[in-house]
C-alpha atoms as a PDB file:
ATOM      1  CA  MET A   1      -0.287  -0.165  -0.182  1.00  0.00           C
ATOM      2  CA  LYS A   2       0.991   3.358  -0.885  1.00  0.00           C
ATOM      3  CA  PHE A   3       0.957   6.773   0.812  1.00  0.00           C
ATOM      4  CA  LYS A   4       1.005   9.696  -0.515  1.00  0.00           C
ATOM      5  CA  LEU A   5       0.886  13.416   1.171  1.00  0.00           C
ATOM      6  CA  LYS A   6      -1.201  16.135  -0.382  1.00  0.00           C
ATOM      7  CA  PRO A   7       0.599  19.657  -1.168  1.00  0.00           C
ATOM      8  CA  LEU A   8      -2.046  21.178   1.649  1.00  0.00           C
ATOM      9  CA  ALA A   9      -1.101  18.797   4.398  1.00  0.00           C
ATOM     10  CA  LEU A  10       2.826  18.911   3.630  1.00  0.00           C
ATOM     11  CA  GLY A  11       2.037  22.722   4.545  1.00  0.00           C
ATOM     12  CA  LEU A  12       0.467  21.691   7.077  1.00  0.00           C
ATOM     13  CA  LEU A  13       2.865  19.497   8.945  1.00  0.00           C
ATOM     14  CA  ALA A  14       5.562  22.343   7.818  1.00  0.00           C
ATOM     15  CA  ALA A  15       3.892  25.256   9.377  1.00  0.00           C
ATOM     16  CA  ALA A  16       3.556  23.032  12.922  1.00  0.00           C
ATOM     17  CA  GLN A  17       7.629  23.033  12.964  1.00  0.00           C
ATOM     18  CA  THR A  18       9.295  25.946  15.101  1.00  0.00           C
ATOM     19  CA  ALA A  19      12.450  24.916  14.510  1.00  0.00           C
ATOM     20  CA  THR A  20      14.621  22.935  11.720  1.00  0.00           C
ATOM     21  CA  SER A  21      18.061  23.282  10.244  1.00  0.00           C
ATOM     22  CA  LEU A  22      21.086  22.473   7.469  1.00  0.00           C
ATOM     23  CA  ARG A  23      22.393  19.007   7.960  1.00  0.00           C
ATOM     24  CA  PHE A  24      24.656  17.011   7.333  1.00  0.00           C
ATOM     25  CA  VAL A  25      26.951  20.446   6.049  1.00  0.00           C
ATOM     26  CA  MET A  26      31.081  19.912   6.433  1.00  0.00           C
ATOM     27  CA  TYR A  27      33.123  21.904   8.408  1.00  0.00           C
ATOM     28  CA  VAL A  28      36.193  22.628   5.862  1.00  0.00           C
ATOM     29  CA  ASP A  29      39.169  23.820   8.224  1.00  0.00           C
ATOM     30  CA  ASP A  30      40.008  26.883   5.780  1.00  0.00           C
ATOM     31  CA  ASP A  31      41.391  30.251   7.006  1.00  0.00           C
ATOM     32  CA  PRO A  32      39.252  32.030   5.772  1.00  0.00           C
ATOM     33  CA  PRO A  33      36.868  29.053   5.202  1.00  0.00           C
ATOM     34  CA  GLN A  34      35.783  28.286   1.890  1.00  0.00           C
ATOM     35  CA  LYS A  35      32.691  29.569   0.030  1.00  0.00           C
ATOM     36  CA  TRP A  36      29.467  28.259   0.331  1.00  0.00           C
ATOM     37  CA  THR A  37      26.233  28.716  -1.278  1.00  0.00           C
ATOM     38  CA  PRO A  38      23.072  26.995  -0.360  1.00  0.00           C
ATOM     39  CA  PHE A  39      20.637  25.302  -2.021  1.00  0.00           C
ATOM     40  CA  GLU A  40      18.664  27.794  -1.582  1.00  0.00           C
ATOM     41  CA  PRO A  41      18.091  30.942   0.383  1.00  0.00           C
ATOM     42  CA  VAL A  42      18.218  31.102   4.362  1.00  0.00           C
ATOM     43  CA  ASP A  43      14.789  33.174   4.459  1.00  0.00           C
ATOM     44  CA  THR A  44      12.998  30.579   2.045  1.00  0.00           C
ATOM     45  CA  PHE A  45      13.520  27.592   3.062  1.00  0.00           C
ATOM     46  CA  ARG A  46      12.446  29.862   6.659  1.00  0.00           C
ATOM     47  CA  ASN A  47       9.442  30.320   5.213  1.00  0.00           C
ATOM     48  CA  ARG A  48       8.576  27.052   3.948  1.00  0.00           C
ATOM     49  CA  PHE A  49       8.172  26.620   8.145  1.00  0.00           C
ATOM     50  CA  GLY A  50       7.134  30.015   8.948  1.00  0.00           C
ATOM     51  CA  LYS A  51       8.820  33.255   9.098  1.00  0.00           C
ATOM     52  CA  ASP A  52       9.240  32.895  12.831  1.00  0.00           C
ATOM     53  CA  ALA A  53      10.580  29.773  12.336  1.00  0.00           C
ATOM     54  CA  LYS A  54      14.024  28.700  13.578  1.00  0.00           C
ATOM     55  CA  VAL A  55      16.867  27.649  11.152  1.00  0.00           C
ATOM     56  CA  THR A  56      20.118  26.048  13.136  1.00  0.00           C
ATOM     57  CA  VAL A  57      22.793  24.442  10.934  1.00  0.00           C
ATOM     58  CA  ALA A  58      24.250  20.685  12.285  1.00  0.00           C
ATOM     59  CA  ILE A  59      27.818  20.387  10.822  1.00  0.00           C
ATOM     60  CA  GLY A  60      28.877  16.817  10.096  1.00  0.00           C
ATOM     61  CA  GLY A  61      26.957  13.287  11.238  1.00  0.00           C
ATOM     62  CA  TRP A  62      26.225  10.569   9.973  1.00  0.00           C
ATOM     63  CA  GLY A  63      29.732   9.114  10.511  1.00  0.00           C
ATOM     64  CA  ASP A  64      31.531  12.950   9.553  1.00  0.00           C
ATOM     65  CA  THR A  65      33.792  13.856  12.730  1.00  0.00           C
ATOM     66  CA  SER A  66      37.011  14.505  10.350  1.00  0.00           C
ATOM     67  CA  GLY A  67      36.151  18.350  10.622  1.00  0.00           C
ATOM     68  CA  PHE A  68      35.468  18.243  13.698  1.00  0.00           C
ATOM     69  CA  SER A  69      38.272  16.593  14.796  1.00  0.00           C
ATOM     70  CA  GLU A  70      40.475  18.520  13.316  1.00  0.00           C
ATOM     71  CA  GLY A  71      38.657  21.692  13.988  1.00  0.00           C
ATOM     72  CA  ALA A  72      39.282  20.584  17.859  1.00  0.00           C
ATOM     73  CA  LYS A  73      42.855  19.535  17.962  1.00  0.00           C
ATOM     74  CA  ASP A  74      44.560  22.349  20.255  1.00  0.00           C
ATOM     75  CA  GLU A  75      43.371  25.859  20.581  1.00  0.00           C
ATOM     76  CA  ALA A  76      44.633  27.468  17.648  1.00  0.00           C
ATOM     77  CA  SER A  77      42.651  24.754  15.007  1.00  0.00           C
ATOM     78  CA  ARG A  78      39.483  25.538  18.282  1.00  0.00           C
ATOM     79  CA  THR A  79      39.815  29.297  17.784  1.00  0.00           C
ATOM     80  CA  ARG A  80      39.706  28.959  14.145  1.00  0.00           C
ATOM     81  CA  TYR A  81      36.493  26.660  14.900  1.00  0.00           C
ATOM     82  CA  ALA A  82      34.532  28.629  16.389  1.00  0.00           C
ATOM     83  CA  LYS A  83      35.193  32.146  14.416  1.00  0.00           C
ATOM     84  CA  ASN A  84      34.627  29.731  11.111  1.00  0.00           C
ATOM     85  CA  VAL A  85      31.397  28.734  12.646  1.00  0.00           C
ATOM     86  CA  ARG A  86      30.441  32.193  13.634  1.00  0.00           C
ATOM     87  CA  ALA A  87      30.457  33.746  10.252  1.00  0.00           C
ATOM     88  CA  PHE A  88      29.076  30.619   8.649  1.00  0.00           C
ATOM     89  CA  VAL A  89      25.719  31.838  11.067  1.00  0.00           C
ATOM     90  CA  ASP A  90      26.419  35.074  11.005  1.00  0.00           C
ATOM     91  CA  GLU A  91      26.378  35.226   6.580  1.00  0.00           C
ATOM     92  CA  PHE A  92      23.499  32.821   6.511  1.00  0.00           C
ATOM     93  CA  GLY A  93      21.463  34.718   9.122  1.00  0.00           C
ATOM     94  CA  LEU A  94      20.698  30.949  10.961  1.00  0.00           C
ATOM     95  CA  ASP A  95      19.891  31.237  14.807  1.00  0.00           C
ATOM     96  CA  GLY A  96      22.532  28.555  16.548  1.00  0.00           C
ATOM     97  CA  VAL A  97      24.283  25.455  15.755  1.00  0.00           C
END
């Protein structure tokens, strides 16, 4: 048996969420960080869930810890990691990590 959600149902499900995240974003330990372009503007993504929805970023995941390990290895890399993550959050108008 197959189930399909109609567009109205999908819209209602999305509207019921108050927070969502960009997921599986890879961390690259470059300074300055590489330029990244999301598949759509963050505000467009946010509006799928309501204009007041909170959008965060999930870095790594699903076994991808290499960037985090590199970013956490010493004080200088932790400082760079924090600076780059903060710049990413600010650049895209995200609400957190």
